[in-house]
C-alpha atoms as a PDB file:
ATOM      1  CA  MET A   1     -58.845   0.530  -6.146  1.00  0.00           C
ATOM      2  CA  THR A   2     -55.467   1.366  -7.689  1.00  0.00           C
ATOM      3  CA  ALA A   3     -52.065   0.900  -6.194  1.00  0.00           C
ATOM      4  CA  ASP A   4     -51.487   4.671  -6.364  1.00  0.00           C
ATOM      5  CA  LEU A   5     -54.842   5.760  -4.930  1.00  0.00           C
ATOM      6  CA  ALA A   6     -55.124   3.193  -2.117  1.00  0.00           C
ATOM      7  CA  ALA A   7     -53.955   4.192   1.359  1.00  0.00           C
ATOM      8  CA  ASP A   8     -50.342   3.157   1.798  1.00  0.00           C
ATOM      9  CA  ALA A   9     -49.354   0.522   4.326  1.00  0.00           C
ATOM     10  CA  GLU A  10     -46.933   1.719   6.979  1.00  0.00           C
ATOM     11  CA  PRO A  11     -43.595  -0.130   6.614  1.00  0.00           C
ATOM     12  CA  ALA A  12     -43.360  -0.600  10.390  1.00  0.00           C
ATOM     13  CA  GLN A  13     -46.745  -2.302  10.410  1.00  0.00           C
ATOM     14  CA  LEU A  14     -45.717  -4.708   7.653  1.00  0.00           C
ATOM     15  CA  ARG A  15     -42.524  -5.526   9.547  1.00  0.00           C
ATOM     16  CA  ALA A  16     -44.602  -6.373  12.608  1.00  0.00           C
ATOM     17  CA  LEU A  17     -46.803  -8.698  10.543  1.00  0.00           C
ATOM     18  CA  ARG A  18     -43.797 -10.407   8.957  1.00  0.00           C
ATOM     19  CA  ALA A  19     -41.197 -10.430  11.697  1.00  0.00           C
ATOM     20  CA  GLY A  20     -42.825  -9.424  14.976  1.00  0.00           C
ATOM     21  CA  ALA A  21     -46.277  -9.198  16.534  1.00  0.00           C
ATOM     22  CA  ALA A  22     -49.204  -7.123  15.276  1.00  0.00           C
ATOM     23  CA  ALA A  23     -52.652  -6.497  16.770  1.00  0.00           C
ATOM     24  CA  CYS A  24     -55.726  -5.296  14.899  1.00  0.00           C
ATOM     25  CA  ALA A  25     -59.516  -5.294  14.817  1.00  0.00           C
ATOM     26  CA  PRO A  26     -60.504  -4.378  11.240  1.00  0.00           C
ATOM     27  CA  GLN A  27     -63.881  -6.167  11.397  1.00  0.00           C
ATOM     28  CA  VAL A  28     -63.503  -7.879   8.047  1.00  0.00           C
ATOM     29  CA  ARG A  29     -65.150 -10.905   9.675  1.00  0.00           C
ATOM     30  CA  ALA A  30     -68.386 -11.134  11.662  1.00  0.00           C
ATOM     31  CA  LEU A  31     -70.085 -13.660  13.912  1.00  0.00           C
ATOM     32  CA  LEU A  32     -73.457 -15.393  13.671  1.00  0.00           C
ATOM     33  CA  ALA A  33     -74.906 -17.974  16.043  1.00  0.00           C
ATOM     34  CA  VAL A  34     -77.003 -21.024  15.226  1.00  0.00           C
ATOM     35  CA  SER A  35     -78.792 -23.161  17.768  1.00  0.00           C
ATOM     36  CA  GLY A  36     -81.990 -25.129  18.211  1.00  0.00           C
ATOM     37  CA  PRO A  37     -82.696 -28.884  18.270  1.00  0.00           C
ATOM     38  CA  ASP A  38     -82.089 -29.342  14.515  1.00  0.00           C
ATOM     39  CA  HIS A  39     -79.193 -26.928  13.884  1.00  0.00           C
ATOM     40  CA  ARG A  40     -76.564 -29.622  13.325  1.00  0.00           C
ATOM     41  CA  GLU A  41     -78.619 -31.628  10.855  1.00  0.00           C
ATOM     42  CA  TRP A  42     -79.670 -28.418   9.086  1.00  0.00           C
ATOM     43  CA  LEU A  43     -76.128 -27.055   8.714  1.00  0.00           C
ATOM     44  CA  GLU A  44     -74.790 -30.440   7.623  1.00  0.00           C
ATOM     45  CA  ARG A  45     -77.304 -30.385   4.773  1.00  0.00           C
ATOM     46  CA  ILE A  46     -75.970 -27.138   3.287  1.00  0.00           C
ATOM     47  CA  ALA A  47     -72.281 -26.983   4.312  1.00  0.00           C
ATOM     48  CA  SER A  48     -69.537 -28.086   1.905  1.00  0.00           C
ATOM     49  CA  ASN A  49     -67.562 -29.820   4.678  1.00  0.00           C
ATOM     50  CA  PRO A  50     -68.776 -32.109   7.494  1.00  0.00           C
ATOM     51  CA  VAL A  51     -69.966 -30.093  10.503  1.00  0.00           C
ATOM     52  CA  GLY A  52     -72.779 -32.230  11.897  1.00  0.00           C
ATOM     53  CA  ASP A  53     -70.512 -34.149  14.268  1.00  0.00           C
ATOM     54  CA  LEU A  54     -68.217 -31.267  15.182  1.00  0.00           C
ATOM     55  CA  ALA A  55     -67.014 -32.015  18.699  1.00  0.00           C
ATOM     56  CA  PRO A  56     -67.144 -29.385  21.455  1.00  0.00           C
ATOM     57  CA  GLY A  57     -64.143 -27.071  21.247  1.00  0.00           C
ATOM     58  CA  ARG A  58     -63.405 -27.857  17.603  1.00  0.00           C
ATOM     59  CA  VAL A  59     -63.380 -25.679  14.469  1.00  0.00           C
ATOM     60  CA  ALA A  60     -64.283 -26.575  10.872  1.00  0.00           C
ATOM     61  CA  ALA A  61     -64.083 -24.449   7.726  1.00  0.00           C
ATOM     62  CA  PHE A  62     -66.633 -24.762   4.950  1.00  0.00           C
ATOM     63  CA  THR A  63     -68.309 -22.794   2.186  1.00  0.00           C
ATOM     64  CA  LEU A  64     -71.876 -22.174   1.167  1.00  0.00           C
ATOM     65  CA  MET A  65     -72.682 -22.420  -2.544  1.00  0.00           C
ATOM     66  CA  ASP A  66     -75.716 -22.236  -4.756  1.00  0.00           C
ATOM     67  CA  GLY A  67     -76.788 -25.203  -6.875  1.00  0.00           C
ATOM     68  CA  LYS A  68     -74.363 -24.214  -9.637  1.00  0.00           C
ATOM     69  CA  GLY A  69     -71.374 -24.300  -7.303  1.00  0.00           C
ATOM     70  CA  ARG A  70     -71.078 -20.516  -7.070  1.00  0.00           C
ATOM     71  CA  LEU A  71     -69.730 -19.213  -3.795  1.00  0.00           C
ATOM     72  CA  ARG A  72     -72.001 -17.497  -1.312  1.00  0.00           C
ATOM     73  CA  GLY A  73     -69.544 -17.278   1.559  1.00  0.00           C
ATOM     74  CA  ASP A  74     -66.446 -18.783   3.191  1.00  0.00           C
ATOM     75  CA  LEU A  75     -67.211 -19.677   6.800  1.00  0.00           C
ATOM     76  CA  ARG A  76     -65.903 -21.371   9.926  1.00  0.00           C
ATOM     77  CA  ALA A  77     -68.013 -23.189  12.486  1.00  0.00           C
ATOM     78  CA  LEU A  78     -66.840 -22.981  16.104  1.00  0.00           C
ATOM     79  CA  ALA A  79     -68.312 -25.479  18.526  1.00  0.00           C
ATOM     80  CA  ALA A  80     -67.951 -22.975  21.337  1.00  0.00           C
ATOM     81  CA  GLY A  81     -69.436 -19.745  22.611  1.00  0.00           C
ATOM     82  CA  VAL A  82     -73.094 -20.726  22.069  1.00  0.00           C
ATOM     83  CA  PRO A  83     -74.887 -23.007  24.527  1.00  0.00           C
ATOM     84  CA  ASP A  84     -75.974 -26.069  22.553  1.00  0.00           C
ATOM     85  CA  GLY A  85     -75.076 -24.330  19.299  1.00  0.00           C
ATOM     86  CA  LEU A  86     -72.336 -23.056  17.017  1.00  0.00           C
ATOM     87  CA  LEU A  87     -70.673 -19.740  16.256  1.00  0.00           C
ATOM     88  CA  LEU A  88     -70.220 -19.014  12.555  1.00  0.00           C
ATOM     89  CA  ASP A  89     -67.284 -16.857  11.462  1.00  0.00           C
ATOM     90  CA  VAL A  90     -68.378 -15.149   8.215  1.00  0.00           C
ATOM     91  CA  PRO A  91     -67.169 -12.315   5.941  1.00  0.00           C
ATOM     92  CA  GLU A  92     -68.536  -9.020   7.239  1.00  0.00           C
ATOM     93  CA  ALA A  93     -69.185  -7.899   3.654  1.00  0.00           C
ATOM     94  CA  ALA A  94     -71.415 -10.948   3.085  1.00  0.00           C
ATOM     95  CA  ARG A  95     -73.066 -10.992   6.527  1.00  0.00           C
ATOM     96  CA  ALA A  96     -76.449  -9.537   5.512  1.00  0.00           C
ATOM     97  CA  ALA A  97     -76.718 -11.729   2.422  1.00  0.00           C
ATOM     98  CA  LEU A  98     -75.711 -14.839   4.370  1.00  0.00           C
ATOM     99  CA  LEU A  99     -78.310 -14.156   7.047  1.00  0.00           C
ATOM    100  CA  LYS A 100     -80.995 -14.063   4.351  1.00  0.00           C
ATOM    101  CA  LEU A 101     -79.637 -17.175   2.637  1.00  0.00           C
ATOM    102  CA  LEU A 102     -79.389 -19.175   5.844  1.00  0.00           C
ATOM    103  CA  ASP A 103     -82.911 -18.155   6.796  1.00  0.00           C
ATOM    104  CA  ILE A 104     -84.184 -19.361   3.411  1.00  0.00           C
ATOM    105  CA  TYR A 105     -82.557 -22.754   4.046  1.00  0.00           C
ATOM    106  CA  ILE A 106     -84.489 -23.172   7.300  1.00  0.00           C
ATOM    107  CA  LEU A 107     -87.528 -25.145   6.223  1.00  0.00           C
ATOM    108  CA  ARG A 108     -89.290 -27.152   8.923  1.00  0.00           C
ATOM    109  CA  GLU A 109     -86.190 -27.543  11.056  1.00  0.00           C
ATOM    110  CA  LYS A 110     -86.114 -26.057  14.525  1.00  0.00           C
ATOM    111  CA  VAL A 111     -83.176 -23.694  14.101  1.00  0.00           C
ATOM    112  CA  VAL A 112     -82.482 -20.334  15.714  1.00  0.00           C
ATOM    113  CA  LEU A 113     -80.261 -17.977  13.708  1.00  0.00           C
ATOM    114  CA  GLN A 114     -78.829 -14.861  15.379  1.00  0.00           C
ATOM    115  CA  ASP A 115     -76.595 -12.023  14.218  1.00  0.00           C
ATOM    116  CA  ARG A 116     -73.983 -11.610  16.981  1.00  0.00           C
ATOM    117  CA  SER A 117     -71.850  -9.053  15.130  1.00  0.00           C
ATOM    118  CA  ALA A 118     -72.849  -6.175  17.431  1.00  0.00           C
ATOM    119  CA  ALA A 119     -72.146  -8.109  20.629  1.00  0.00           C
ATOM    120  CA  LEU A 120     -69.066 -10.138  19.660  1.00  0.00           C
ATOM    121  CA  ARG A 121     -66.004  -8.974  17.770  1.00  0.00           C
ATOM    122  CA  TRP A 122     -62.721 -10.360  16.492  1.00  0.00           C
ATOM    123  CA  VAL A 123     -59.341  -9.064  17.604  1.00  0.00           C
ATOM    124  CA  HIS A 124     -56.422 -10.513  15.646  1.00  0.00           C
ATOM    125  CA  LEU A 125     -52.911 -11.080  16.973  1.00  0.00           C
ATOM    126  CA  LEU A 126     -50.636 -11.816  14.027  1.00  0.00           C
ATOM    127  CA  GLY A 127     -47.006 -12.391  13.108  1.00  0.00           C
ATOM    128  CA  PRO A 128     -44.187 -14.756  14.119  1.00  0.00           C
ATOM    129  CA  GLY A 129     -44.159 -13.194  17.587  1.00  0.00           C
ATOM    130  CA  ALA A 130     -47.875 -13.705  18.189  1.00  0.00           C
ATOM    131  CA  GLU A 131     -47.540 -16.877  20.259  1.00  0.00           C
ATOM    132  CA  ALA A 132     -44.939 -15.346  22.565  1.00  0.00           C
ATOM    133  CA  THR A 133     -47.213 -12.325  23.022  1.00  0.00           C
ATOM    134  CA  LEU A 134     -50.101 -14.619  23.970  1.00  0.00           C
ATOM    135  CA  GLN A 135     -47.867 -16.252  26.567  1.00  0.00           C
ATOM    136  CA  ARG A 136     -46.901 -12.897  28.056  1.00  0.00           C
ATOM    137  CA  THR A 137     -50.523 -11.791  28.338  1.00  0.00           C
ATOM    138  CA  GLY A 138     -51.871 -15.104  29.614  1.00  0.00           C
ATOM    139  CA  LEU A 139     -54.439 -15.273  26.812  1.00  0.00           C
ATOM    140  CA  PRO A 140     -55.611 -18.706  25.615  1.00  0.00           C
ATOM    141  CA  ARG A 141     -53.461 -20.334  22.930  1.00  0.00           C
ATOM    142  CA  PRO A 142     -55.262 -22.489  20.334  1.00  0.00           C
ATOM    143  CA  VAL A 143     -53.870 -25.660  18.801  1.00  0.00           C
ATOM    144  CA  ALA A 144     -54.652 -26.663  15.205  1.00  0.00           C
ATOM    145  CA  ASP A 145     -58.429 -26.970  14.713  1.00  0.00           C
ATOM    146  CA  GLU A 146     -59.298 -26.358  18.361  1.00  0.00           C
ATOM    147  CA  VAL A 147     -60.885 -23.452  20.205  1.00  0.00           C
ATOM    148  CA  ALA A 148     -58.999 -22.344  23.295  1.00  0.00           C
ATOM    149  CA  GLN A 149     -61.143 -20.621  25.945  1.00  0.00           C
ATOM    150  CA  ALA A 150     -60.391 -18.619  29.081  1.00  0.00           C
ATOM    151  CA  ASN A 151     -61.919 -15.632  30.880  1.00  0.00           C
ATOM    152  CA  GLY A 152     -64.502 -14.888  28.232  1.00  0.00           C
ATOM    153  CA  VAL A 153     -62.062 -15.091  25.313  1.00  0.00           C
ATOM    154  CA  LEU A 154     -62.321 -17.628  22.490  1.00  0.00           C
ATOM    155  CA  ALA A 155     -59.123 -18.167  20.512  1.00  0.00           C
ATOM    156  CA  VAL A 156     -58.659 -19.932  17.163  1.00  0.00           C
ATOM    157  CA  ALA A 157     -55.791 -20.132  14.702  1.00  0.00           C
ATOM    158  CA  SER A 158     -55.889 -17.191  12.301  1.00  0.00           C
ATOM    159  CA  ARG A 159     -56.496 -17.897   8.606  1.00  0.00           C
ATOM    160  CA  HIS A 160     -57.635 -14.638   7.041  1.00  0.00           C
ATOM    161  CA  PHE A 161     -54.542 -12.440   6.770  1.00  0.00           C
ATOM    162  CA  GLY A 162     -51.642 -14.473   5.413  1.00  0.00           C
ATOM    163  CA  ALA A 163     -49.670 -14.225   8.661  1.00  0.00           C
ATOM    164  CA  PRO A 164     -49.434 -16.758  11.490  1.00  0.00           C
ATOM    165  CA  GLY A 165     -51.361 -15.884  14.609  1.00  0.00           C
ATOM    166  CA  THR A 166     -54.576 -16.102  16.575  1.00  0.00           C
ATOM    167  CA  ASP A 167     -58.089 -14.723  16.191  1.00  0.00           C
ATOM    168  CA  LEU A 168     -59.575 -13.712  19.559  1.00  0.00           C
ATOM    169  CA  CYS A 169     -63.352 -13.495  19.935  1.00  0.00           C
ATOM    170  CA  VAL A 170     -64.382 -11.096  22.696  1.00  0.00           C
ATOM    171  CA  ALA A 171     -67.333  -8.966  23.760  1.00  0.00           C
ATOM    172  CA  ALA A 172     -67.545  -5.745  21.749  1.00  0.00           C
ATOM    173  CA  GLU A 173     -66.785  -3.591  24.791  1.00  0.00           C
ATOM    174  CA  SER A 174     -63.570  -5.547  25.379  1.00  0.00           C
ATOM    175  CA  VAL A 175     -62.001  -4.811  21.966  1.00  0.00           C
ATOM    176  CA  GLU A 176     -60.128  -1.624  22.873  1.00  0.00           C
ATOM    177  CA  PRO A 177     -58.968  -2.865  26.313  1.00  0.00           C
ATOM    178  CA  LEU A 178     -57.675  -6.047  24.675  1.00  0.00           C
ATOM    179  CA  LEU A 179     -55.844  -4.101  21.961  1.00  0.00           C
ATOM    180  CA  ALA A 180     -54.243  -1.967  24.687  1.00  0.00           C
ATOM    181  CA  ARG A 181     -53.257  -5.102  26.594  1.00  0.00           C
ATOM    182  CA  LEU A 182     -51.642  -6.587  23.496  1.00  0.00           C
ATOM    183  CA  ALA A 183     -49.821  -3.328  22.775  1.00  0.00           C
ATOM    184  CA  ALA A 184     -48.468  -3.308  26.325  1.00  0.00           C
ATOM    185  CA  ALA A 185     -47.136  -6.810  25.666  1.00  0.00           C
ATOM    186  CA  GLY A 186     -45.247  -5.604  22.590  1.00  0.00           C
ATOM    187  CA  ALA A 187     -47.692  -5.989  19.700  1.00  0.00           C
ATOM    188  CA  LEU A 188     -47.855  -3.104  17.244  1.00  0.00           C
ATOM    189  CA  ARG A 189     -51.339  -2.018  16.270  1.00  0.00           C
ATOM    190  CA  VAL A 190     -51.765  -2.262  12.507  1.00  0.00           C
ATOM    191  CA  ASP A 191     -54.354  -0.884  10.104  1.00  0.00           C
ATOM    192  CA  ARG A 192     -56.259  -2.368   7.189  1.00  0.00           C
ATOM    193  CA  PRO A 193     -53.830  -1.208   4.427  1.00  0.00           C
ATOM    194  CA  ALA A 194     -51.048  -3.316   5.970  1.00  0.00           C
ATOM    195  CA  LEU A 195     -53.413  -6.284   6.265  1.00  0.00           C
ATOM    196  CA  GLU A 196     -54.354  -5.911   2.596  1.00  0.00           C
ATOM    197  CA  VAL A 197     -50.697  -5.943   1.527  1.00  0.00           C
ATOM    198  CA  GLN A 198     -49.912  -8.964   3.673  1.00  0.00           C
ATOM    199  CA  ARG A 199     -52.884 -11.061   2.600  1.00  0.00           C
ATOM    200  CA  ILE A 200     -52.345 -10.282  -1.120  1.00  0.00           C
ATOM    201  CA  ALA A 201     -48.638 -11.099  -0.802  1.00  0.00           C
ATOM    202  CA  ALA A 202     -49.576 -14.421   0.804  1.00  0.00           C
ATOM    203  CA  GLY A 203     -52.345 -15.141  -1.716  1.00  0.00           C
ATOM    204  CA  VAL A 204     -55.279 -15.085   0.726  1.00  0.00           C
ATOM    205  CA  PRO A 205     -58.542 -14.164  -1.042  1.00  0.00           C
ATOM    206  CA  TRP A 206     -61.105 -11.913   0.617  1.00  0.00           C
ATOM    207  CA  TRP A 207     -64.795 -11.413   0.066  1.00  0.00           C
ATOM    208  CA  PRO A 208     -65.983  -9.694  -2.114  1.00  0.00           C
ATOM    209  CA  ALA A 209     -62.831  -8.668  -3.990  1.00  0.00           C
ATOM    210  CA  ASP A 210     -61.646 -12.196  -4.835  1.00  0.00           C
ATOM    211  CA  LEU A 211     -64.429 -14.430  -3.508  1.00  0.00           C
ATOM    212  CA  ALA A 212     -67.296 -12.911  -5.453  1.00  0.00           C
ATOM    213  CA  PRO A 213     -70.587 -14.758  -6.093  1.00  0.00           C
ATOM    214  CA  ASP A 214     -69.450 -15.892  -9.558  1.00  0.00           C
ATOM    215  CA  VAL A 215     -66.501 -17.853  -8.109  1.00  0.00           C
ATOM    216  CA  ILE A 216     -66.417 -21.614  -7.589  1.00  0.00           C
ATOM    217  CA  PRO A 217     -64.443 -22.317  -4.367  1.00  0.00           C
ATOM    218  CA  LEU A 218     -61.953 -24.621  -6.104  1.00  0.00           C
ATOM    219  CA  GLU A 219     -61.026 -21.769  -8.453  1.00  0.00           C
ATOM    220  CA  ALA A 220     -59.911 -19.686  -5.468  1.00  0.00           C
ATOM    221  CA  GLY A 221     -57.790 -22.321  -3.742  1.00  0.00           C
ATOM    222  CA  LEU A 222     -60.407 -23.187  -1.128  1.00  0.00           C
ATOM    223  CA  ASP A 223     -59.998 -26.909  -1.756  1.00  0.00           C
ATOM    224  CA  ALA A 224     -59.648 -27.744   1.945  1.00  0.00           C
ATOM    225  CA  ASP A 225     -62.992 -26.051   2.631  1.00  0.00           C
ATOM    226  CA  VAL A 226     -64.889 -28.248   0.170  1.00  0.00           C
ATOM    227  CA  SER A 227     -65.454 -31.993   0.384  1.00  0.00           C
ATOM    228  CA  SER A 228     -65.774 -34.194  -2.690  1.00  0.00           C
ATOM    229  CA  THR A 229     -66.893 -37.195  -0.608  1.00  0.00           C
ATOM    230  CA  LYS A 230     -69.446 -35.669   1.772  1.00  0.00           C
ATOM    231  CA  GLY A 231     -73.103 -36.299   1.039  1.00  0.00           C
ATOM    232  CA  CYS A 232     -75.308 -33.921  -0.892  1.00  0.00           C
ATOM    233  CA  TYR A 233     -75.090 -30.165  -0.387  1.00  0.00           C
ATOM    234  CA  PRO A 234     -75.750 -27.247  -2.765  1.00  0.00           C
ATOM    235  CA  GLY A 235     -73.000 -27.227  -5.382  1.00  0.00           C
ATOM    236  CA  GLN A 236     -71.775 -30.755  -4.582  1.00  0.00           C
ATOM    237  CA  GLU A 237     -72.358 -32.068  -8.113  1.00  0.00           C
ATOM    238  CA  VAL A 238     -70.302 -29.225  -9.587  1.00  0.00           C
ATOM    239  CA  VAL A 239     -67.463 -29.895  -7.139  1.00  0.00           C
ATOM    240  CA  ALA A 240     -67.525 -33.633  -7.897  1.00  0.00           C
ATOM    241  CA  ARG A 241     -67.442 -32.974 -11.629  1.00  0.00           C
ATOM    242  CA  ILE A 242     -64.435 -30.656 -11.295  1.00  0.00           C
ATOM    243  CA  VAL A 243     -62.593 -33.144  -9.083  1.00  0.00           C
ATOM    244  CA  ASN A 244     -63.296 -35.982 -11.522  1.00  0.00           C
ATOM    245  CA  LEU A 245     -62.072 -33.901 -14.467  1.00  0.00           C
ATOM    246  CA  GLY A 246     -58.939 -33.033 -12.528  1.00  0.00           C
ATOM    247  CA  GLN A 247     -58.888 -29.235 -12.684  1.00  0.00           C
ATOM    248  CA  VAL A 248     -60.803 -26.005 -13.008  1.00  0.00           C
ATOM    249  CA  ALA A 249     -60.825 -23.794 -16.080  1.00  0.00           C
ATOM    250  CA  ARG A 250     -59.448 -20.762 -14.241  1.00  0.00           C
ATOM    251  CA  ARG A 251     -57.516 -20.239 -11.035  1.00  0.00           C
ATOM    252  CA  LEU A 252     -56.716 -17.422  -8.631  1.00  0.00           C
ATOM    253  CA  LEU A 253     -52.988 -16.676  -8.703  1.00  0.00           C
ATOM    254  CA  ARG A 254     -50.559 -14.140  -7.286  1.00  0.00           C
ATOM    255  CA  LEU A 255     -49.158 -11.440  -9.560  1.00  0.00           C
ATOM    256  CA  SER A 256     -46.400  -8.899  -9.019  1.00  0.00           C
ATOM    257  CA  ALA A 257     -44.121  -6.384 -10.692  1.00  0.00           C
ATOM    258  CA  ALA A 258     -41.084  -4.471  -9.465  1.00  0.00           C
ATOM    259  CA  GLY A 259     -41.854  -0.805  -8.838  1.00  0.00           C
ATOM    260  CA  ARG A 260     -45.101   1.022  -8.288  1.00  0.00           C
ATOM    261  CA  HIS A 261     -47.754   0.822 -10.996  1.00  0.00           C
ATOM    262  CA  ALA A 262     -51.334   2.097 -11.252  1.00  0.00           C
ATOM    263  CA  VAL A 263     -53.032  -1.278 -11.715  1.00  0.00           C
ATOM    264  CA  GLU A 264     -56.729  -1.436 -10.886  1.00  0.00           C
ATOM    265  CA  ALA A 265     -58.889  -4.275  -9.645  1.00  0.00           C
ATOM    266  CA  GLY A 266     -61.081  -5.377 -12.534  1.00  0.00           C
ATOM    267  CA  THR A 267     -58.410  -4.733 -15.170  1.00  0.00           C
ATOM    268  CA  PRO A 268     -58.382  -7.436 -17.876  1.00  0.00           C
ATOM    269  CA  LEU A 269     -55.197  -9.489 -18.177  1.00  0.00           C
ATOM    270  CA  PHE A 270     -53.674 -10.401 -21.540  1.00  0.00           C
ATOM    271  CA  GLY A 271     -50.928 -12.754 -22.623  1.00  0.00           C
ATOM    272  CA  THR A 272     -47.444 -11.806 -23.780  1.00  0.00           C
ATOM    273  CA  GLY A 273     -44.954 -13.376 -26.186  1.00  0.00           C
ATOM    274  CA  GLU A 274     -46.519 -16.067 -28.348  1.00  0.00           C
ATOM    275  CA  ARG A 275     -49.884 -15.391 -26.665  1.00  0.00           C
ATOM    276  CA  ALA A 276     -49.691 -11.611 -26.937  1.00  0.00           C
ATOM    277  CA  GLY A 277     -53.155 -10.070 -27.027  1.00  0.00           C
ATOM    278  CA  GLN A 278     -54.955 -13.227 -25.913  1.00  0.00           C
ATOM    279  CA  GLU A 279     -57.358 -12.674 -23.032  1.00  0.00           C
ATOM    280  CA  ALA A 280     -55.860 -14.356 -19.958  1.00  0.00           C
ATOM    281  CA  GLY A 281     -58.073 -13.300 -17.044  1.00  0.00           C
ATOM    282  CA  LYS A 282     -58.778 -10.408 -14.673  1.00  0.00           C
ATOM    283  CA  VAL A 283     -57.165  -8.638 -11.714  1.00  0.00           C
ATOM    284  CA  THR A 284     -59.192  -8.837  -8.480  1.00  0.00           C
ATOM    285  CA  SER A 285     -57.025  -7.180  -5.791  1.00  0.00           C
ATOM    286  CA  VAL A 286     -54.054  -4.794  -5.849  1.00  0.00           C
ATOM    287  CA  ALA A 287     -51.656  -3.405  -3.236  1.00  0.00           C
ATOM    288  CA  TRP A 288     -48.330  -1.592  -3.020  1.00  0.00           C
ATOM    289  CA  ASP A 289     -45.661  -3.293  -0.891  1.00  0.00           C
ATOM    290  CA  PRO A 290     -43.312  -0.595   0.423  1.00  0.00           C
ATOM    291  CA  LEU A 291     -40.880  -3.112   1.916  1.00  0.00           C
ATOM    292  CA  GLU A 292     -40.406  -5.144  -1.242  1.00  0.00           C
ATOM    293  CA  GLN A 293     -40.959  -2.127  -3.518  1.00  0.00           C
ATOM    294  CA  ARG A 294     -43.365  -4.154  -5.614  1.00  0.00           C
ATOM    295  CA  THR A 295     -46.896  -3.885  -6.936  1.00  0.00           C
ATOM    296  CA  LEU A 296     -48.789  -6.948  -5.745  1.00  0.00           C
ATOM    297  CA  ALA A 297     -52.048  -8.356  -7.097  1.00  0.00           C
ATOM    298  CA  LEU A 298     -54.351 -11.331  -7.166  1.00  0.00           C
ATOM    299  CA  GLY A 299     -56.175 -12.338 -10.301  1.00  0.00           C
ATOM    300  CA  PHE A 300     -58.028 -15.163 -12.003  1.00  0.00           C
ATOM    301  CA  LEU A 301     -56.128 -16.662 -14.922  1.00  0.00           C
ATOM    302  CA  ARG A 302     -57.085 -19.218 -17.516  1.00  0.00           C
ATOM    303  CA  ARG A 303     -55.123 -22.477 -17.711  1.00  0.00           C
ATOM    304  CA  PRO A 304     -52.463 -21.494 -20.316  1.00  0.00           C
ATOM    305  CA  TRP A 305     -51.122 -18.839 -17.909  1.00  0.00           C
ATOM    306  CA  TRP A 306     -50.842 -20.901 -14.723  1.00  0.00           C
ATOM    307  CA  LYS A 307     -47.145 -21.725 -14.931  1.00  0.00           C
ATOM    308  CA  ASP A 308     -44.955 -20.019 -12.337  1.00  0.00           C
ATOM    309  CA  GLY A 309     -43.018 -17.199 -13.971  1.00  0.00           C
ATOM    310  CA  THR A 310     -45.480 -16.594 -16.812  1.00  0.00           C
ATOM    311  CA  VAL A 311     -45.826 -12.909 -17.692  1.00  0.00           C
ATOM    312  CA  VAL A 312     -49.184 -11.265 -18.361  1.00  0.00           C
ATOM    313  CA  LYS A 313     -50.138  -7.645 -19.004  1.00  0.00           C
ATOM    314  CA  ALA A 314     -52.599  -5.422 -17.169  1.00  0.00           C
ATOM    315  CA  GLY A 315     -52.877  -2.406 -19.431  1.00  0.00           C
ATOM    316  CA  GLY A 316     -49.256  -1.495 -20.069  1.00  0.00           C
ATOM    317  CA  VAL A 317     -47.930  -3.197 -16.915  1.00  0.00           C
ATOM    318  CA  GLU A 318     -46.226  -6.600 -17.096  1.00  0.00           C
ATOM    319  CA  LEU A 319     -46.941  -8.841 -14.102  1.00  0.00           C
ATOM    320  CA  GLY A 320     -45.208 -12.097 -13.218  1.00  0.00           C
ATOM    321  CA  VAL A 321     -47.388 -15.038 -12.199  1.00  0.00           C
ATOM    322  CA  ALA A 322     -46.822 -17.113  -9.055  1.00  0.00           C
ATOM    323  CA  PRO A 323     -49.006 -19.821  -7.464  1.00  0.00           C
ATOM    324  CA  LEU A 324     -51.079 -19.261  -4.350  1.00  0.00           C
ATOM    325  CA  ARG A 325     -49.379 -20.198  -1.112  1.00  0.00           C
ATOM    326  CA  LEU A 326     -52.543 -20.968   0.789  1.00  0.00           C
ATOM    327  CA  ALA A 327     -51.947 -22.838   4.004  1.00  0.00           C
ATOM    328  CA  ARG A 328     -55.090 -21.728   5.788  1.00  0.00           C
ATOM    329  CA  PRO A 329     -55.946 -23.701   8.943  1.00  0.00           C
ATOM    330  CA  ARG A 330     -59.270 -25.440   8.589  1.00  0.00           C
END
């Protein structure tokens, strides 16, 4: 998708995300449920972060990897919303594949896996004014890694869009009434193009654009979602080796250039100056920021191009490099 061909973000929607309150339900995330007598032990065996002892009302982020450390999904476990079980927040684009993978991992354990994506949906309230909007509406307000619950609504701190706020899990039939309620409280409804601009500007990777199956989580800044001390799980040896060596060979970074340029996801990146013509990496996501009047991108870069301010080329476009600013709640 090029910056010129992609649907433009509305400036007013970006302002709401950055300086006000914005409400949306783009369904970029889906919900699964796991239960059964052995579900904790089973999930602990395959998750990259500890989840076996997750206390009621708590949230934990983790990834699933194959044995070579390659990402299969970035997830959150919510110890809420499922009697004697867990809700799993997963990428919608990876939902079908994750259901198959999780089912394969069920061996002799007594585990029940359910797709709840038709019955439960996410509504997101984002921006610096999100908390005040929650107060005005009387909706539950989460704290840190906790799930807040009231009147059939589960609320957790938002981590998927690069803006502060809250993710609200509700019944599917309640999505539109809730969006109307939030709008009445002053939140502007925003669309996916604005969310894409905001998350790329903030350096938040999405599946499958940036978090494809060939990515190792530590390459994409998901360090907090992966434990180097937890017991065995698929990919653990790869993670431990990377941690012991001190760094990965490539890293997802933010890229930008003043003005509007037709840069495409998948475009190879090359060095400039003394490294002119050397292959540096690849663009993964692109967006046009109408407020900053800049072309924004995310891309994987090899180690020589990690320094802030380095310039690389995508076709004939020069892009400045900046580090990720990930501060995603776990």
